[in-house]
Amino acid sequence: MKREDIKNYTLKELRDILAGMDEPSYRAGQIFSWLYKKNKASFTEMANLPKPLVKKLNNAYSVGALHISKKLVSNDKTEKFLFKLHDGRYIETVLLYAKGRETLCVSSQVGCKFACSFCASGRMGFTRNLSPSEIVGQVTYSSLNLKHNITNYVFMGMGEPLDNYENVSKAILIMNDKYGLDIGARRITLSTCGLVPGIERLADSGLQINLSISLHAAYNQLRDKLVPINKCYPIKVLIDACELYLKKTGKVVTLEYVLIKNKNISIEDAKGLAKIAGRLNAKVNLITYSNVSSLDHDPPEKEAIAAFVNKLKKSGLNVTLRLSKGQDIQAACGQLAGLK
């Protein structure tokens, strides 16, 4: 009989499992602490659990772990981890350094369904969702195995997080739980290409994480080409969902915008972006396109970037131009493809 991975369960679910074993609920907190604070890889290492319980757990459950296949380090110190999953698939996770911050870019799927025109993950097509254990495993490997002092966690790696809502939300609960990794929700950001039902669901979830929208175009005709999900949920529908999220959570939304030469970087594009950001009172994160060999895009010239940024700032927006890091190891925004 195949044993289930114990790391796929939230604390509440684990309490229910233990109740079914006629065990006291406080054991769930102990198990969580062993898994996520002390990084134990087996039930037999959990010293304060009674032997009969250890036997029950061993019979029904396993303790999942990711296996590192390769680690690459960029000239700018960015680190990329290639993990091999239990079924032989691969995912990538990136660790970024900037101004005293360490940000972990986490994947949520093997591949992606949504085929954004500038993204290597979308070119792969979709294989499957990651489990909660596989998602959290990326975090524990970096923070516990490698002892990194990670300050921020962003669901901006391979895949669309809201397309894997159940598993991603479970992973966030485990990350946030005081018995788990005890990571404050304000340090966690979820980025979506614009799955409106997922945004609406997130607004009602009670998860106090940050929401980022991969916008990349301010007009439907262009966004249909760059971010094809826009054909299902055009910009007005997306903005309405963001306003609902803002009303229900009080959390500021961030608009992500990849700058692509001769595509979305005109002054007219800047005006459209400023209008959307102003309506949502949103932050704007700009990042220069990073080359992907199989895609027909190029990064813009510095002069065009400066003009675009200047136009946004004149509109009174909170604008950040992020450095594109890890390009030499294919770890920059849009470059992750789970390559061996």
C-alpha atoms as a PDB file:
ATOM      1  CA  MET A   1       0.000   0.000   0.000  1.00  0.00           C
ATOM      2  CA  LYS A   2       1.324   3.434  -0.988  1.00  0.00           C
ATOM      3  CA  ARG A   3       1.984   5.647   2.004  1.00  0.00           C
ATOM      4  CA  GLU A   4       0.742   9.236   1.909  1.00  0.00           C
ATOM      5  CA  ASP A   5       3.175  12.118   2.381  1.00  0.00           C
ATOM      6  CA  ILE A   6       2.560  13.606   5.848  1.00  0.00           C
ATOM      7  CA  LYS A   7       3.797  17.001   4.597  1.00  0.00           C
ATOM      8  CA  ASN A   8       0.746  17.347   2.353  1.00  0.00           C
ATOM      9  CA  TYR A   9      -1.430  18.113   5.380  1.00  0.00           C
ATOM     10  CA  THR A  10      -2.093  21.332   7.268  1.00  0.00           C
ATOM     11  CA  LEU A  11      -2.015  21.348  11.065  1.00  0.00           C
ATOM     12  CA  LYS A  12      -5.822  21.161  11.212  1.00  0.00           C
ATOM     13  CA  GLU A  13      -5.868  18.182   8.851  1.00  0.00           C
ATOM     14  CA  LEU A  14      -3.150  16.457  10.861  1.00  0.00           C
ATOM     15  CA  ARG A  15      -5.163  16.924  14.062  1.00  0.00           C
ATOM     16  CA  ASP A  16      -8.103  15.227  12.345  1.00  0.00           C
ATOM     17  CA  ILE A  17      -5.848  12.361  11.222  1.00  0.00           C
ATOM     18  CA  LEU A  18      -4.573  11.855  14.772  1.00  0.00           C
ATOM     19  CA  ALA A  19      -8.116  11.954  16.152  1.00  0.00           C
ATOM     20  CA  GLY A  20      -8.906   9.081  13.799  1.00  0.00           C
ATOM     21  CA  MET A  21      -5.992   7.208  15.383  1.00  0.00           C
ATOM     22  CA  ASP A  22      -7.358   7.910  18.881  1.00  0.00           C
ATOM     23  CA  GLU A  23      -4.374  10.151  19.576  1.00  0.00           C
ATOM     24  CA  PRO A  24      -4.510  13.549  21.362  1.00  0.00           C
ATOM     25  CA  SER A  25      -4.581  16.595  19.082  1.00  0.00           C
ATOM     26  CA  TYR A  26      -1.484  18.179  20.643  1.00  0.00           C
ATOM     27  CA  ARG A  27       0.620  15.508  18.954  1.00  0.00           C
ATOM     28  CA  ALA A  28      -0.021  17.330  15.660  1.00  0.00           C
ATOM     29  CA  GLY A  29       1.862  20.389  16.908  1.00  0.00           C
ATOM     30  CA  GLN A  30       4.734  18.181  18.017  1.00  0.00           C
ATOM     31  CA  ILE A  31       4.933  16.490  14.609  1.00  0.00           C
ATOM     32  CA  PHE A  32       4.793  19.857  12.836  1.00  0.00           C
ATOM     33  CA  SER A  33       7.619  21.153  14.985  1.00  0.00           C
ATOM     34  CA  TRP A  34       9.787  18.130  14.168  1.00  0.00           C
ATOM     35  CA  LEU A  35       9.061  18.472  10.445  1.00  0.00           C
ATOM     36  CA  TYR A  36       9.351  22.218   9.960  1.00  0.00           C
ATOM     37  CA  LYS A  37      11.510  23.555  12.795  1.00  0.00           C
ATOM     38  CA  LYS A  38      13.911  20.659  13.343  1.00  0.00           C
ATOM     39  CA  ASN A  39      13.777  19.357   9.747  1.00  0.00           C
ATOM     40  CA  LYS A  40      13.521  15.684  10.700  1.00  0.00           C
ATOM     41  CA  ALA A  41      13.236  13.213   7.833  1.00  0.00           C
ATOM     42  CA  SER A  42      11.566  10.296   9.653  1.00  0.00           C
ATOM     43  CA  PHE A  43       9.070   9.624  12.425  1.00  0.00           C
ATOM     44  CA  THR A  44      11.623   7.586  14.374  1.00  0.00           C
ATOM     45  CA  GLU A  45      13.666  10.790  14.879  1.00  0.00           C
ATOM     46  CA  MET A  46      10.729  12.462  16.658  1.00  0.00           C
ATOM     47  CA  ALA A  47      11.882  11.729  20.212  1.00  0.00           C
ATOM     48  CA  ASN A  48       8.804  12.866  22.141  1.00  0.00           C
ATOM     49  CA  LEU A  49       6.343  10.687  20.198  1.00  0.00           C
ATOM     50  CA  PRO A  50       5.335   7.365  21.816  1.00  0.00           C
ATOM     51  CA  LYS A  51       6.516   4.260  19.962  1.00  0.00           C
ATOM     52  CA  PRO A  52       2.990   2.974  19.207  1.00  0.00           C
ATOM     53  CA  LEU A  53       2.211   6.278  17.449  1.00  0.00           C
ATOM     54  CA  VAL A  54       5.484   6.169  15.517  1.00  0.00           C
ATOM     55  CA  LYS A  55       4.534   2.683  14.316  1.00  0.00           C
ATOM     56  CA  LYS A  56       1.079   3.857  13.199  1.00  0.00           C
ATOM     57  CA  LEU A  57       2.569   6.803  11.349  1.00  0.00           C
ATOM     58  CA  ASN A  58       5.240   4.686   9.662  1.00  0.00           C
ATOM     59  CA  ASN A  59       2.606   2.228   8.446  1.00  0.00           C
ATOM     60  CA  ALA A  60       0.443   4.878   6.796  1.00  0.00           C
ATOM     61  CA  TYR A  61       2.646   7.878   6.029  1.00  0.00           C
ATOM     62  CA  SER A  62       6.023   8.910   4.649  1.00  0.00           C
ATOM     63  CA  VAL A  63       8.021  12.114   5.186  1.00  0.00           C
ATOM     64  CA  GLY A  64       8.522  13.808   1.816  1.00  0.00           C
ATOM     65  CA  ALA A  65      11.703  15.565   0.726  1.00  0.00           C
ATOM     66  CA  LEU A  66      12.966  17.175  -2.463  1.00  0.00           C
ATOM     67  CA  HIS A  67      16.159  15.905  -4.037  1.00  0.00           C
ATOM     68  CA  ILE A  68      18.600  18.507  -5.317  1.00  0.00           C
ATOM     69  CA  SER A  69      19.876  17.632  -8.774  1.00  0.00           C
ATOM     70  CA  LYS A  70      21.917  20.726  -9.552  1.00  0.00           C
ATOM     71  CA  LYS A  71      22.802  24.106  -8.065  1.00  0.00           C
ATOM     72  CA  LEU A  72      23.970  27.024 -10.201  1.00  0.00           C
ATOM     73  CA  VAL A  73      25.388  30.342  -8.990  1.00  0.00           C
ATOM     74  CA  SER A  74      25.231  33.472 -11.136  1.00  0.00           C
ATOM     75  CA  ASN A  75      27.901  36.135 -11.483  1.00  0.00           C
ATOM     76  CA  ASP A  76      25.547  38.410  -9.497  1.00  0.00           C
ATOM     77  CA  LYS A  77      25.292  35.746  -6.700  1.00  0.00           C
ATOM     78  CA  THR A  78      21.780  34.616  -7.658  1.00  0.00           C
ATOM     79  CA  GLU A  79      21.373  30.904  -6.909  1.00  0.00           C
ATOM     80  CA  LYS A  80      19.204  28.450  -8.853  1.00  0.00           C
ATOM     81  CA  PHE A  81      18.231  25.016  -7.557  1.00  0.00           C
ATOM     82  CA  LEU A  82      17.091  22.226  -9.860  1.00  0.00           C
ATOM     83  CA  PHE A  83      15.000  19.690  -7.950  1.00  0.00           C
ATOM     84  CA  LYS A  84      14.171  16.195  -9.170  1.00  0.00           C
ATOM     85  CA  LEU A  85      10.682  15.086  -8.137  1.00  0.00           C
ATOM     86  CA  HIS A  86       9.544  11.573  -7.238  1.00  0.00           C
ATOM     87  CA  ASP A  87       8.179  10.971 -10.767  1.00  0.00           C
ATOM     88  CA  GLY A  88      11.365  12.080 -12.512  1.00  0.00           C
ATOM     89  CA  ARG A  89      10.089  15.575 -13.351  1.00  0.00           C
ATOM     90  CA  TYR A  90      12.131  18.679 -12.585  1.00  0.00           C
ATOM     91  CA  ILE A  91      11.375  22.107 -11.152  1.00  0.00           C
ATOM     92  CA  GLU A  92      13.527  25.177 -10.498  1.00  0.00           C
ATOM     93  CA  THR A  93      13.688  27.501  -7.506  1.00  0.00           C
ATOM     94  CA  VAL A  94      15.656  30.759  -7.381  1.00  0.00           C
ATOM     95  CA  LEU A  95      17.262  32.642  -4.487  1.00  0.00           C
ATOM     96  CA  LEU A  96      17.817  36.357  -5.113  1.00  0.00           C
ATOM     97  CA  TYR A  97      19.954  38.803  -3.120  1.00  0.00           C
ATOM     98  CA  ALA A  98      19.304  42.556  -2.990  1.00  0.00           C
ATOM     99  CA  LYS A  99      19.970  45.270  -0.403  1.00  0.00           C
ATOM    100  CA  GLY A 100      19.985  43.059   2.674  1.00  0.00           C
ATOM    101  CA  ARG A 101      17.063  40.962   1.416  1.00  0.00           C
ATOM    102  CA  GLU A 102      17.046  37.313   0.434  1.00  0.00           C
ATOM    103  CA  THR A 103      14.052  36.447  -1.716  1.00  0.00           C
ATOM    104  CA  LEU A 104      13.084  32.891  -2.612  1.00  0.00           C
ATOM    105  CA  CYS A 105      11.195  32.485  -5.884  1.00  0.00           C
ATOM    106  CA  VAL A 106       9.023  29.374  -5.494  1.00  0.00           C
ATOM    107  CA  SER A 107       7.474  27.170  -8.209  1.00  0.00           C
ATOM    108  CA  SER A 108       3.909  25.841  -7.974  1.00  0.00           C
ATOM    109  CA  GLN A 109       3.582  23.617 -11.055  1.00  0.00           C
ATOM    110  CA  VAL A 110       5.643  21.522 -13.454  1.00  0.00           C
ATOM    111  CA  GLY A 111       5.288  23.681 -16.551  1.00  0.00           C
ATOM    112  CA  CYS A 112       2.386  26.057 -17.102  1.00  0.00           C
ATOM    113  CA  LYS A 113      -0.888  26.111 -19.074  1.00  0.00           C
ATOM    114  CA  PHE A 114      -1.037  29.795 -19.802  1.00  0.00           C
ATOM    115  CA  ALA A 115       1.700  30.345 -22.410  1.00  0.00           C
ATOM    116  CA  CYS A 116       2.634  33.968 -21.766  1.00  0.00           C
ATOM    117  CA  SER A 117       4.615  34.923 -24.853  1.00  0.00           C
ATOM    118  CA  PHE A 118       7.778  35.965 -22.956  1.00  0.00           C
ATOM    119  CA  CYS A 119       7.970  32.995 -20.552  1.00  0.00           C
ATOM    120  CA  ALA A 120       9.988  29.788 -20.951  1.00  0.00           C
ATOM    121  CA  SER A 121       7.793  27.892 -18.458  1.00  0.00           C
ATOM    122  CA  GLY A 122       4.783  28.439 -20.704  1.00  0.00           C
ATOM    123  CA  ARG A 123       6.683  27.012 -23.667  1.00  0.00           C
ATOM    124  CA  MET A 124       7.032  23.730 -21.752  1.00  0.00           C
ATOM    125  CA  GLY A 125       3.307  23.196 -21.576  1.00  0.00           C
ATOM    126  CA  PHE A 126       1.672  21.875 -18.425  1.00  0.00           C
ATOM    127  CA  THR A 127       2.578  18.545 -16.812  1.00  0.00           C
ATOM    128  CA  ARG A 128       1.092  18.600 -13.298  1.00  0.00           C
ATOM    129  CA  ASN A 129       0.504  20.527 -10.101  1.00  0.00           C
ATOM    130  CA  LEU A 130       3.029  20.422  -7.289  1.00  0.00           C
ATOM    131  CA  SER A 131       1.831  18.978  -3.991  1.00  0.00           C
ATOM    132  CA  PRO A 132       1.925  21.046  -0.784  1.00  0.00           C
ATOM    133  CA  SER A 133       4.948  18.986   0.270  1.00  0.00           C
ATOM    134  CA  GLU A 134       6.800  19.763  -2.973  1.00  0.00           C
ATOM    135  CA  ILE A 135       6.016  23.468  -2.637  1.00  0.00           C
ATOM    136  CA  VAL A 136       7.034  23.719   1.022  1.00  0.00           C
ATOM    137  CA  GLY A 137      10.051  21.502   0.294  1.00  0.00           C
ATOM    138  CA  GLN A 138      11.564  24.302  -1.801  1.00  0.00           C
ATOM    139  CA  VAL A 139      11.306  26.588   1.222  1.00  0.00           C
ATOM    140  CA  THR A 140      12.673  24.135   3.780  1.00  0.00           C
ATOM    141  CA  TYR A 141      15.608  23.173   1.550  1.00  0.00           C
ATOM    142  CA  SER A 142      16.737  26.791   1.322  1.00  0.00           C
ATOM    143  CA  SER A 143      15.933  27.923   4.856  1.00  0.00           C
ATOM    144  CA  LEU A 144      16.668  24.755   6.868  1.00  0.00           C
ATOM    145  CA  ASN A 145      19.097  22.643   4.814  1.00  0.00           C
ATOM    146  CA  LEU A 146      21.174  25.571   3.518  1.00  0.00           C
ATOM    147  CA  LYS A 147      20.541  27.821   6.558  1.00  0.00           C
ATOM    148  CA  HIS A 148      19.676  30.868   4.458  1.00  0.00           C
ATOM    149  CA  ASN A 149      18.080  33.819   6.258  1.00  0.00           C
ATOM    150  CA  ILE A 150      15.289  34.326   3.732  1.00  0.00           C
ATOM    151  CA  THR A 151      13.324  37.533   4.163  1.00  0.00           C
ATOM    152  CA  ASN A 152      10.741  37.220   1.383  1.00  0.00           C
ATOM    153  CA  TYR A 153       8.945  34.414  -0.450  1.00  0.00           C
ATOM    154  CA  VAL A 154       7.380  34.951  -3.877  1.00  0.00           C
ATOM    155  CA  PHE A 155       5.240  32.512  -5.834  1.00  0.00           C
ATOM    156  CA  MET A 156       6.706  33.666  -9.135  1.00  0.00           C
ATOM    157  CA  GLY A 157       8.555  30.542 -10.268  1.00  0.00           C
ATOM    158  CA  MET A 158       7.322  27.879 -12.664  1.00  0.00           C
ATOM    159  CA  GLY A 159       3.547  27.633 -13.010  1.00  0.00           C
ATOM    160  CA  GLU A 160       0.464  29.675 -12.137  1.00  0.00           C
ATOM    161  CA  PRO A 161      -0.209  29.535  -8.370  1.00  0.00           C
ATOM    162  CA  LEU A 162      -3.951  30.198  -8.598  1.00  0.00           C
ATOM    163  CA  ASP A 163      -4.319  27.311 -11.056  1.00  0.00           C
ATOM    164  CA  ASN A 164      -3.100  25.094  -8.197  1.00  0.00           C
ATOM    165  CA  TYR A 165      -5.132  26.908  -5.563  1.00  0.00           C
ATOM    166  CA  GLU A 166      -5.767  24.070  -3.106  1.00  0.00           C
ATOM    167  CA  ASN A 167      -2.155  22.933  -2.845  1.00  0.00           C
ATOM    168  CA  VAL A 168      -0.679  26.432  -2.853  1.00  0.00           C
ATOM    169  CA  SER A 169      -3.058  27.627  -0.133  1.00  0.00           C
ATOM    170  CA  LYS A 170      -2.202  24.557   1.976  1.00  0.00           C
ATOM    171  CA  ALA A 171       1.504  25.272   1.496  1.00  0.00           C
ATOM    172  CA  ILE A 172       0.978  28.881   2.601  1.00  0.00           C
ATOM    173  CA  LEU A 173      -0.903  27.733   5.715  1.00  0.00           C
ATOM    174  CA  ILE A 174       2.012  25.427   6.600  1.00  0.00           C
ATOM    175  CA  MET A 175       4.525  28.220   5.966  1.00  0.00           C
ATOM    176  CA  ASN A 176       2.496  30.642   8.072  1.00  0.00           C
ATOM    177  CA  ASP A 177       1.639  28.289  10.966  1.00  0.00           C
ATOM    178  CA  LYS A 178       3.459  29.004  14.238  1.00  0.00           C
ATOM    179  CA  TYR A 179       4.038  25.256  14.656  1.00  0.00           C
ATOM    180  CA  GLY A 180       5.246  25.079  11.056  1.00  0.00           C
ATOM    181  CA  LEU A 181       7.700  27.481   9.464  1.00  0.00           C
ATOM    182  CA  ASP A 182       6.205  30.524  11.260  1.00  0.00           C
ATOM    183  CA  ILE A 183       6.665  32.828   8.255  1.00  0.00           C
ATOM    184  CA  GLY A 184       4.637  36.037   8.495  1.00  0.00           C
ATOM    185  CA  ALA A 185       2.019  36.399   5.740  1.00  0.00           C
ATOM    186  CA  ARG A 186       3.320  39.882   4.880  1.00  0.00           C
ATOM    187  CA  ARG A 187       6.564  38.218   3.752  1.00  0.00           C
ATOM    188  CA  ILE A 188       4.742  36.019   1.227  1.00  0.00           C
ATOM    189  CA  THR A 189       3.653  37.237  -2.227  1.00  0.00           C
ATOM    190  CA  LEU A 190       1.553  35.345  -4.749  1.00  0.00           C
ATOM    191  CA  SER A 191       1.782  36.392  -8.405  1.00  0.00           C
ATOM    192  CA  THR A 192      -0.948  35.553 -10.919  1.00  0.00           C
ATOM    193  CA  CYS A 193      -1.284  36.109 -14.665  1.00  0.00           C
ATOM    194  CA  GLY A 194      -4.905  37.061 -14.016  1.00  0.00           C
ATOM    195  CA  LEU A 195      -7.076  34.080 -13.015  1.00  0.00           C
ATOM    196  CA  VAL A 196     -10.039  36.100 -11.812  1.00  0.00           C
ATOM    197  CA  PRO A 197     -11.897  33.257 -10.005  1.00  0.00           C
ATOM    198  CA  GLY A 198      -8.711  32.545  -8.039  1.00  0.00           C
ATOM    199  CA  ILE A 199      -8.305  36.210  -7.095  1.00  0.00           C
ATOM    200  CA  GLU A 200     -11.904  36.308  -5.885  1.00  0.00           C
ATOM    201  CA  ARG A 201     -11.373  33.123  -3.908  1.00  0.00           C
ATOM    202  CA  LEU A 202      -8.156  34.478  -2.400  1.00  0.00           C
ATOM    203  CA  ALA A 203     -10.011  37.621  -1.333  1.00  0.00           C
ATOM    204  CA  ASP A 204     -12.310  35.469   0.836  1.00  0.00           C
ATOM    205  CA  SER A 205      -9.622  33.072   2.089  1.00  0.00           C
ATOM    206  CA  GLY A 206      -8.360  35.001   5.109  1.00  0.00           C
ATOM    207  CA  LEU A 207      -4.768  34.529   3.930  1.00  0.00           C
ATOM    208  CA  GLN A 208      -3.059  37.855   4.618  1.00  0.00           C
ATOM    209  CA  ILE A 209      -0.460  37.462   1.873  1.00  0.00           C
ATOM    210  CA  ASN A 210       0.478  40.004  -0.783  1.00  0.00           C
ATOM    211  CA  LEU A 211      -1.037  39.818  -4.285  1.00  0.00           C
ATOM    212  CA  SER A 212       0.869  40.649  -7.440  1.00  0.00           C
ATOM    213  CA  ILE A 213      -0.683  40.818 -10.921  1.00  0.00           C
ATOM    214  CA  SER A 214       1.433  39.972 -13.975  1.00  0.00           C
ATOM    215  CA  LEU A 215      -0.106  42.680 -16.140  1.00  0.00           C
ATOM    216  CA  HIS A 216       2.522  43.372 -18.858  1.00  0.00           C
ATOM    217  CA  ALA A 217       0.129  45.336 -21.065  1.00  0.00           C
ATOM    218  CA  ALA A 218      -2.398  48.070 -20.412  1.00  0.00           C
ATOM    219  CA  TYR A 219      -4.641  47.405 -23.425  1.00  0.00           C
ATOM    220  CA  ASN A 220      -6.578  44.267 -24.321  1.00  0.00           C
ATOM    221  CA  GLN A 221      -5.352  43.907 -27.895  1.00  0.00           C
ATOM    222  CA  LEU A 222      -1.721  43.687 -26.787  1.00  0.00           C
ATOM    223  CA  ARG A 223      -2.388  41.752 -23.572  1.00  0.00           C
ATOM    224  CA  ASP A 224      -4.290  39.113 -25.561  1.00  0.00           C
ATOM    225  CA  LYS A 225      -0.996  38.408 -27.347  1.00  0.00           C
ATOM    226  CA  LEU A 226       1.404  38.692 -24.420  1.00  0.00           C
ATOM    227  CA  VAL A 227      -0.805  37.094 -21.740  1.00  0.00           C
ATOM    228  CA  PRO A 228      -3.401  34.914 -23.525  1.00  0.00           C
ATOM    229  CA  ILE A 229      -5.537  34.346 -20.389  1.00  0.00           C
ATOM    230  CA  ASN A 230      -6.630  37.940 -21.027  1.00  0.00           C
ATOM    231  CA  LYS A 231      -8.988  36.572 -23.707  1.00  0.00           C
ATOM    232  CA  CYS A 232     -10.934  34.878 -20.886  1.00  0.00           C
ATOM    233  CA  TYR A 233     -10.544  37.622 -18.287  1.00  0.00           C
ATOM    234  CA  PRO A 234      -9.933  40.961 -20.050  1.00  0.00           C
ATOM    235  CA  ILE A 235      -8.410  43.926 -18.293  1.00  0.00           C
ATOM    236  CA  LYS A 236     -11.671  45.455 -17.001  1.00  0.00           C
ATOM    237  CA  VAL A 237     -12.720  42.129 -15.440  1.00  0.00           C
ATOM    238  CA  LEU A 238      -9.236  41.758 -13.925  1.00  0.00           C
ATOM    239  CA  ILE A 239      -9.311  45.290 -12.490  1.00  0.00           C
ATOM    240  CA  ASP A 240     -12.747  44.657 -10.993  1.00  0.00           C
ATOM    241  CA  ALA A 241     -11.409  41.522  -9.285  1.00  0.00           C
ATOM    242  CA  CYS A 242      -8.430  43.473  -7.921  1.00  0.00           C
ATOM    243  CA  GLU A 243     -10.751  46.160  -6.569  1.00  0.00           C
ATOM    244  CA  LEU A 244     -12.787  43.456  -4.844  1.00  0.00           C
ATOM    245  CA  TYR A 245      -9.580  42.007  -3.363  1.00  0.00           C
ATOM    246  CA  LEU A 246      -8.514  45.464  -2.179  1.00  0.00           C
ATOM    247  CA  LYS A 247     -11.935  46.129  -0.619  1.00  0.00           C
ATOM    248  CA  LYS A 248     -12.069  42.794   1.221  1.00  0.00           C
ATOM    249  CA  THR A 249      -8.455  42.573   2.381  1.00  0.00           C
ATOM    250  CA  GLY A 250      -7.173  46.142   2.524  1.00  0.00           C
ATOM    251  CA  LYS A 251      -3.936  44.844   0.957  1.00  0.00           C
ATOM    252  CA  VAL A 252      -2.198  46.918  -1.710  1.00  0.00           C
ATOM    253  CA  VAL A 253      -1.941  45.154  -5.062  1.00  0.00           C
ATOM    254  CA  THR A 254       1.308  45.227  -7.055  1.00  0.00           C
ATOM    255  CA  LEU A 255       1.326  45.328 -10.862  1.00  0.00           C
ATOM    256  CA  GLU A 256       4.218  43.457 -12.488  1.00  0.00           C
ATOM    257  CA  TYR A 257       5.231  44.674 -15.933  1.00  0.00           C
ATOM    258  CA  VAL A 258       7.993  43.151 -18.086  1.00  0.00           C
ATOM    259  CA  LEU A 259       9.445  45.740 -20.472  1.00  0.00           C
ATOM    260  CA  ILE A 260       9.770  44.318 -24.016  1.00  0.00           C
ATOM    261  CA  LYS A 261      11.362  46.158 -26.935  1.00  0.00           C
ATOM    262  CA  ASN A 262       8.870  47.563 -29.466  1.00  0.00           C
ATOM    263  CA  LYS A 263       5.959  45.795 -27.751  1.00  0.00           C
ATOM    264  CA  ASN A 264       4.740  47.433 -24.542  1.00  0.00           C
ATOM    265  CA  ILE A 265       7.089  50.318 -23.771  1.00  0.00           C
ATOM    266  CA  SER A 266       5.635  53.301 -25.646  1.00  0.00           C
ATOM    267  CA  ILE A 267       4.511  56.469 -23.888  1.00  0.00           C
ATOM    268  CA  GLU A 268       0.938  55.440 -24.711  1.00  0.00           C
ATOM    269  CA  ASP A 269       1.554  52.135 -22.907  1.00  0.00           C
ATOM    270  CA  ALA A 270       2.867  54.089 -19.908  1.00  0.00           C
ATOM    271  CA  LYS A 271      -0.280  56.247 -19.883  1.00  0.00           C
ATOM    272  CA  GLY A 272      -2.478  53.148 -19.869  1.00  0.00           C
ATOM    273  CA  LEU A 273      -0.483  51.523 -17.085  1.00  0.00           C
ATOM    274  CA  ALA A 274      -0.615  54.733 -15.041  1.00  0.00           C
ATOM    275  CA  LYS A 275      -4.397  54.843 -15.396  1.00  0.00           C
ATOM    276  CA  ILE A 276      -4.807  51.247 -14.162  1.00  0.00           C
ATOM    277  CA  ALA A 277      -2.329  51.675 -11.306  1.00  0.00           C
ATOM    278  CA  GLY A 278      -3.965  54.942 -10.270  1.00  0.00           C
ATOM    279  CA  ARG A 279      -7.417  53.377 -10.173  1.00  0.00           C
ATOM    280  CA  LEU A 280      -6.135  50.546  -7.942  1.00  0.00           C
ATOM    281  CA  ASN A 281      -3.709  52.723  -5.957  1.00  0.00           C
ATOM    282  CA  ALA A 282      -1.259  49.963  -6.854  1.00  0.00           C
ATOM    283  CA  LYS A 283       2.503  49.666  -6.715  1.00  0.00           C
ATOM    284  CA  VAL A 284       4.222  49.118 -10.060  1.00  0.00           C
ATOM    285  CA  ASN A 285       7.188  46.761 -10.427  1.00  0.00           C
ATOM    286  CA  LEU A 286       8.984  47.048 -13.760  1.00  0.00           C
ATOM    287  CA  ILE A 287      11.552  44.525 -14.944  1.00  0.00           C
ATOM    288  CA  THR A 288      13.453  44.350 -18.205  1.00  0.00           C
ATOM    289  CA  TYR A 289      12.746  41.329 -20.390  1.00  0.00           C
ATOM    290  CA  SER A 290      15.374  38.585 -20.084  1.00  0.00           C
ATOM    291  CA  ASN A 291      16.254  36.740 -23.272  1.00  0.00           C
ATOM    292  CA  VAL A 292      14.842  33.260 -23.887  1.00  0.00           C
ATOM    293  CA  SER A 293      16.421  31.734 -26.993  1.00  0.00           C
ATOM    294  CA  SER A 294      13.197  30.188 -28.326  1.00  0.00           C
ATOM    295  CA  LEU A 295      11.126  33.387 -27.976  1.00  0.00           C
ATOM    296  CA  ASP A 296      10.856  36.309 -30.382  1.00  0.00           C
ATOM    297  CA  HIS A 297      11.390  39.202 -27.948  1.00  0.00           C
ATOM    298  CA  ASP A 298      14.238  41.542 -26.999  1.00  0.00           C
ATOM    299  CA  PRO A 299      15.000  43.797 -24.024  1.00  0.00           C
ATOM    300  CA  PRO A 300      14.450  47.512 -24.690  1.00  0.00           C
ATOM    301  CA  GLU A 301      17.105  50.232 -24.893  1.00  0.00           C
ATOM    302  CA  LYS A 302      18.004  52.197 -21.759  1.00  0.00           C
ATOM    303  CA  GLU A 303      16.568  55.403 -23.224  1.00  0.00           C
ATOM    304  CA  ALA A 304      13.153  53.804 -23.769  1.00  0.00           C
ATOM    305  CA  ILE A 305      13.169  52.389 -20.241  1.00  0.00           C
ATOM    306  CA  ALA A 306      14.057  55.788 -18.756  1.00  0.00           C
ATOM    307  CA  ALA A 307      11.266  57.521 -20.684  1.00  0.00           C
ATOM    308  CA  PHE A 308       8.733  54.904 -19.591  1.00  0.00           C
ATOM    309  CA  VAL A 309       9.741  55.123 -15.927  1.00  0.00           C
ATOM    310  CA  ASN A 310       9.749  58.923 -16.033  1.00  0.00           C
ATOM    311  CA  LYS A 311       6.216  59.024 -17.432  1.00  0.00           C
ATOM    312  CA  LEU A 312       4.948  56.755 -14.647  1.00  0.00           C
ATOM    313  CA  LYS A 313       6.680  58.715 -11.900  1.00  0.00           C
ATOM    314  CA  LYS A 314       5.240  61.979 -13.241  1.00  0.00           C
ATOM    315  CA  SER A 315       1.833  60.373 -12.712  1.00  0.00           C
ATOM    316  CA  GLY A 316       2.632  60.117  -8.994  1.00  0.00           C
ATOM    317  CA  LEU A 317       2.924  56.335  -8.902  1.00  0.00           C
ATOM    318  CA  ASN A 318       5.016  54.174  -6.595  1.00  0.00           C
ATOM    319  CA  VAL A 319       7.333  52.682  -9.237  1.00  0.00           C
ATOM    320  CA  THR A 320      10.262  50.288  -8.847  1.00  0.00           C
ATOM    321  CA  LEU A 321      12.574  49.241 -11.672  1.00  0.00           C
ATOM    322  CA  ARG A 322      13.910  45.843 -10.643  1.00  0.00           C
ATOM    323  CA  LEU A 323      17.238  44.522 -11.812  1.00  0.00           C
ATOM    324  CA  SER A 324      17.014  41.382 -13.924  1.00  0.00           C
ATOM    325  CA  LYS A 325      19.241  38.970 -12.028  1.00  0.00           C
ATOM    326  CA  GLY A 326      20.602  35.520 -12.786  1.00  0.00           C
ATOM    327  CA  GLN A 327      20.436  35.808 -16.572  1.00  0.00           C
ATOM    328  CA  ASP A 328      23.722  33.962 -17.091  1.00  0.00           C
ATOM    329  CA  ILE A 329      22.269  30.844 -15.410  1.00  0.00           C
ATOM    330  CA  GLN A 330      18.775  31.207 -16.928  1.00  0.00           C
ATOM    331  CA  ALA A 331      17.327  32.167 -13.552  1.00  0.00           C
ATOM    332  CA  ALA A 332      15.803  35.551 -14.401  1.00  0.00           C
ATOM    333  CA  CYS A 333      12.104  36.357 -14.708  1.00  0.00           C
ATOM    334  CA  GLY A 334      10.570  34.236 -17.473  1.00  0.00           C
ATOM    335  CA  GLN A 335      13.607  31.989 -17.950  1.00  0.00           C
ATOM    336  CA  LEU A 336      12.710  29.027 -15.704  1.00  0.00           C
ATOM    337  CA  ALA A 337      12.058  25.840 -17.654  1.00  0.00           C
ATOM    338  CA  GLY A 338      13.016  22.940 -15.369  1.00  0.00           C
ATOM    339  CA  LEU A 339      15.986  22.013 -17.563  1.00  0.00           C
ATOM    340  CA  LYS A 340      18.298  19.171 -16.515  1.00  0.00           C
END
